[in-house]
Amino acid sequence: MYDFWENILFYTGNYNGSPMQVHKDLHSKCPMNPEHFQHWVIVFTTTVDELFEGEKAIEIKERALNIANVIMYKTLA
């Protein structure tokens, strides 16, 4: 997970995986709903706000919201 977010923010290339497949597998074991994704976004953005500030903090929150929406749509559809 660290490598995933580091790659999203800094383009390190350290992540090799399929977050979509991970979420689909999780959903098949324990069904998720939109509220799960909304809660995750709140926890993520609150944590970023508590620990970081500046341009990269704003960027990661925006990107996280977009990623959460895409994964939610593709997982729950």
N, C-alpha and C. Protein backbone atom coordinates (compact mmCIF):
# COMPACT_ATOMS: atom_id res chain seq x y z
N MET A 1 0.82 -1.18 0.00
CA MET A 1 0.00 0.00 0.00
C MET A 1 0.88 1.26 0.00
N TYR A 2 1.96 1.20 0.76
CA TYR A 2 2.87 2.36 0.77
C TYR A 2 3.39 2.64 -0.63
N ASP A 3 3.82 1.57 -1.30
CA ASP A 3 4.35 1.73 -2.65
C ASP A 3 3.30 2.29 -3.60
N PHE A 4 2.06 1.84 -3.44
CA PHE A 4 0.98 2.32 -4.31
C PHE A 4 0.83 3.83 -4.18
N TRP A 5 0.69 4.33 -2.94
CA TRP A 5 0.45 5.76 -2.75
C TRP A 5 1.69 6.59 -3.07
N GLU A 6 2.86 6.04 -2.79
CA GLU A 6 4.09 6.77 -3.15
C GLU A 6 4.17 6.92 -4.67
N ASN A 7 3.80 5.87 -5.38
CA ASN A 7 3.81 5.93 -6.84
C ASN A 7 2.76 6.91 -7.36
N ILE A 8 1.58 6.92 -6.75
CA ILE A 8 0.52 7.84 -7.17
C ILE A 8 0.98 9.29 -7.02
N LEU A 9 1.67 9.59 -5.93
CA LEU A 9 2.04 10.98 -5.64
C LEU A 9 3.35 11.40 -6.29
N PHE A 10 4.33 10.48 -6.29
CA PHE A 10 5.68 10.86 -6.75
C PHE A 10 6.15 10.10 -7.99
N TYR A 11 5.30 9.26 -8.56
CA TYR A 11 5.63 8.53 -9.79
C TYR A 11 6.93 7.73 -9.66
N THR A 12 7.07 6.99 -8.55
CA THR A 12 8.31 6.25 -8.29
C THR A 12 8.43 4.97 -9.10
N GLY A 13 7.31 4.41 -9.53
CA GLY A 13 7.34 3.15 -10.25
C GLY A 13 7.56 1.96 -9.34
N ASN A 14 7.42 2.15 -8.04
CA ASN A 14 7.68 1.08 -7.08
C ASN A 14 6.52 0.11 -6.91
N TYR A 15 5.38 0.42 -7.48
CA TYR A 15 4.20 -0.43 -7.25
C TYR A 15 3.95 -1.32 -8.45
N ASN A 16 3.85 -2.61 -8.17
CA ASN A 16 3.48 -3.59 -9.20
C ASN A 16 2.33 -4.40 -8.63
N GLY A 17 1.15 -4.09 -9.06
CA GLY A 17 0.00 -4.81 -8.56
C GLY A 17 -1.26 -4.36 -9.25
N SER A 18 -2.36 -4.90 -8.77
CA SER A 18 -3.66 -4.57 -9.36
C SER A 18 -4.62 -4.19 -8.25
N PRO A 19 -4.70 -2.89 -7.91
CA PRO A 19 -5.62 -2.49 -6.85
C PRO A 19 -7.08 -2.82 -7.18
N MET A 20 -7.41 -2.81 -8.45
CA MET A 20 -8.78 -3.15 -8.84
C MET A 20 -9.08 -4.59 -8.48
N GLN A 21 -8.17 -5.50 -8.79
CA GLN A 21 -8.39 -6.91 -8.49
C GLN A 21 -8.44 -7.16 -6.98
N VAL A 22 -7.60 -6.46 -6.24
CA VAL A 22 -7.60 -6.59 -4.78
C VAL A 22 -8.98 -6.22 -4.22
N HIS A 23 -9.56 -5.13 -4.72
CA HIS A 23 -10.87 -4.70 -4.23
C HIS A 23 -11.98 -5.64 -4.69
N LYS A 24 -11.88 -6.17 -5.89
CA LYS A 24 -12.88 -7.13 -6.35
C LYS A 24 -12.83 -8.40 -5.52
N ASP A 25 -11.62 -8.87 -5.20
CA ASP A 25 -11.47 -10.06 -4.36
C ASP A 25 -12.04 -9.81 -2.97
N LEU A 26 -11.74 -8.66 -2.40
CA LEU A 26 -12.26 -8.31 -1.09
C LEU A 26 -13.79 -8.24 -1.12
N HIS A 27 -14.33 -7.63 -2.14
CA HIS A 27 -15.78 -7.48 -2.28
C HIS A 27 -16.46 -8.85 -2.37
N SER A 28 -15.82 -9.81 -3.01
CA SER A 28 -16.41 -11.15 -3.12
C SER A 28 -16.43 -11.86 -1.76
N LYS A 29 -15.50 -11.53 -0.88
CA LYS A 29 -15.43 -12.15 0.45
C LYS A 29 -16.29 -11.41 1.47
N CYS A 30 -16.34 -10.10 1.34
CA CYS A 30 -17.07 -9.26 2.29
C CYS A 30 -17.64 -8.08 1.50
N PRO A 31 -18.88 -8.19 1.06
CA PRO A 31 -19.45 -7.17 0.18
C PRO A 31 -19.33 -5.74 0.74
N MET A 32 -18.92 -4.86 -0.14
CA MET A 32 -18.78 -3.44 0.21
C MET A 32 -19.95 -2.67 -0.38
N ASN A 33 -20.13 -1.45 0.13
CA ASN A 33 -21.17 -0.57 -0.39
C ASN A 33 -20.60 0.84 -0.48
N PRO A 34 -21.32 1.77 -1.08
CA PRO A 34 -20.80 3.13 -1.23
C PRO A 34 -20.38 3.78 0.09
N GLU A 35 -21.09 3.45 1.17
CA GLU A 35 -20.74 4.04 2.47
C GLU A 35 -19.34 3.64 2.92
N HIS A 36 -18.90 2.44 2.58
CA HIS A 36 -17.53 2.02 2.91
C HIS A 36 -16.51 2.94 2.23
N PHE A 37 -16.75 3.21 0.97
CA PHE A 37 -15.82 4.06 0.23
C PHE A 37 -15.87 5.50 0.74
N GLN A 38 -17.06 5.98 1.05
CA GLN A 38 -17.19 7.34 1.59
C GLN A 38 -16.47 7.47 2.92
N HIS A 39 -16.60 6.46 3.76
CA HIS A 39 -15.92 6.48 5.05
C HIS A 39 -14.40 6.49 4.86
N TRP A 40 -13.92 5.67 3.93
CA TRP A 40 -12.48 5.62 3.67
C TRP A 40 -11.97 6.99 3.23
N VAL A 41 -12.69 7.67 2.35
CA VAL A 41 -12.28 9.00 1.88
C VAL A 41 -12.20 9.97 3.06
N ILE A 42 -13.17 9.92 3.95
CA ILE A 42 -13.14 10.81 5.12
C ILE A 42 -11.93 10.51 5.99
N VAL A 43 -11.68 9.24 6.27
CA VAL A 43 -10.51 8.88 7.10
C VAL A 43 -9.22 9.30 6.41
N PHE A 44 -9.11 9.05 5.12
CA PHE A 44 -7.89 9.38 4.37
C PHE A 44 -7.64 10.89 4.39
N THR A 45 -8.66 11.67 4.04
CA THR A 45 -8.45 13.12 3.96
C THR A 45 -8.22 13.73 5.34
N THR A 46 -8.89 13.22 6.35
CA THR A 46 -8.66 13.72 7.71
C THR A 46 -7.22 13.44 8.15
N THR A 47 -6.73 12.26 7.84
CA THR A 47 -5.35 11.91 8.20
C THR A 47 -4.35 12.79 7.48
N VAL A 48 -4.57 13.00 6.19
CA VAL A 48 -3.67 13.89 5.44
C VAL A 48 -3.70 15.29 6.04
N ASP A 49 -4.88 15.78 6.35
CA ASP A 49 -5.00 17.13 6.92
C ASP A 49 -4.28 17.24 8.27
N GLU A 50 -4.30 16.18 9.05
CA GLU A 50 -3.66 16.20 10.37
C GLU A 50 -2.13 16.14 10.27
N LEU A 51 -1.62 15.52 9.21
CA LEU A 51 -0.18 15.25 9.14
C LEU A 51 0.58 16.08 8.11
N PHE A 52 -0.12 16.60 7.11
CA PHE A 52 0.56 17.25 6.00
C PHE A 52 -0.16 18.52 5.58
N GLU A 53 0.56 19.36 4.86
CA GLU A 53 -0.04 20.54 4.25
C GLU A 53 0.71 20.86 2.98
N GLY A 54 0.11 21.68 2.17
CA GLY A 54 0.77 22.11 0.94
C GLY A 54 0.20 21.47 -0.30
N GLU A 55 0.89 21.74 -1.39
CA GLU A 55 0.43 21.33 -2.72
C GLU A 55 0.27 19.82 -2.85
N LYS A 56 1.24 19.05 -2.36
CA LYS A 56 1.16 17.59 -2.48
C LYS A 56 0.04 17.03 -1.61
N ALA A 57 -0.23 17.64 -0.47
CA ALA A 57 -1.33 17.19 0.38
C ALA A 57 -2.66 17.38 -0.34
N ILE A 58 -2.82 18.51 -0.97
CA ILE A 58 -4.04 18.78 -1.74
C ILE A 58 -4.15 17.79 -2.90
N GLU A 59 -3.05 17.57 -3.59
CA GLU A 59 -3.05 16.67 -4.74
C GLU A 59 -3.42 15.25 -4.33
N ILE A 60 -2.83 14.74 -3.25
CA ILE A 60 -3.11 13.35 -2.88
C ILE A 60 -4.56 13.17 -2.45
N LYS A 61 -5.14 14.17 -1.81
CA LYS A 61 -6.55 14.07 -1.43
C LYS A 61 -7.45 14.05 -2.67
N GLU A 62 -7.15 14.87 -3.64
CA GLU A 62 -7.93 14.88 -4.88
C GLU A 62 -7.79 13.57 -5.63
N ARG A 63 -6.57 13.08 -5.70
CA ARG A 63 -6.34 11.83 -6.42
C ARG A 63 -6.97 10.65 -5.71
N ALA A 64 -6.92 10.66 -4.38
CA ALA A 64 -7.53 9.59 -3.59
C ALA A 64 -9.04 9.55 -3.81
N LEU A 65 -9.67 10.71 -3.83
CA LEU A 65 -11.11 10.77 -4.08
C LEU A 65 -11.44 10.21 -5.46
N ASN A 66 -10.68 10.59 -6.45
CA ASN A 66 -10.91 10.09 -7.81
C ASN A 66 -10.71 8.59 -7.90
N ILE A 67 -9.65 8.09 -7.27
CA ILE A 67 -9.37 6.66 -7.29
C ILE A 67 -10.48 5.90 -6.55
N ALA A 68 -10.89 6.41 -5.40
CA ALA A 68 -11.97 5.76 -4.65
C ALA A 68 -13.25 5.68 -5.48
N ASN A 69 -13.57 6.74 -6.19
CA ASN A 69 -14.78 6.74 -7.02
C ASN A 69 -14.69 5.73 -8.15
N VAL A 70 -13.55 5.64 -8.79
CA VAL A 70 -13.38 4.69 -9.88
C VAL A 70 -13.44 3.25 -9.36
N ILE A 71 -12.73 2.98 -8.29
CA ILE A 71 -12.73 1.62 -7.74
C ILE A 71 -14.13 1.25 -7.24
N MET A 72 -14.82 2.20 -6.60
CA MET A 72 -16.17 1.94 -6.13
C MET A 72 -17.08 1.60 -7.32
N TYR A 73 -17.03 2.42 -8.33
CA TYR A 73 -17.88 2.21 -9.49
C TYR A 73 -17.61 0.84 -10.14
N LYS A 74 -16.35 0.51 -10.34
CA LYS A 74 -15.99 -0.74 -11.01
C LYS A 74 -16.21 -1.95 -10.12
N THR A 75 -16.07 -1.78 -8.81
CA THR A 75 -16.26 -2.92 -7.91
C THR A 75 -17.72 -3.22 -7.66
N LEU A 76 -18.51 -2.18 -7.49
CA LEU A 76 -19.91 -2.37 -7.14
C LEU A 76 -20.85 -2.50 -8.33
N ALA A 77 -20.35 -2.21 -9.53
CA ALA A 77 -21.20 -2.26 -10.73
C ALA A 77 -21.53 -3.68 -11.13
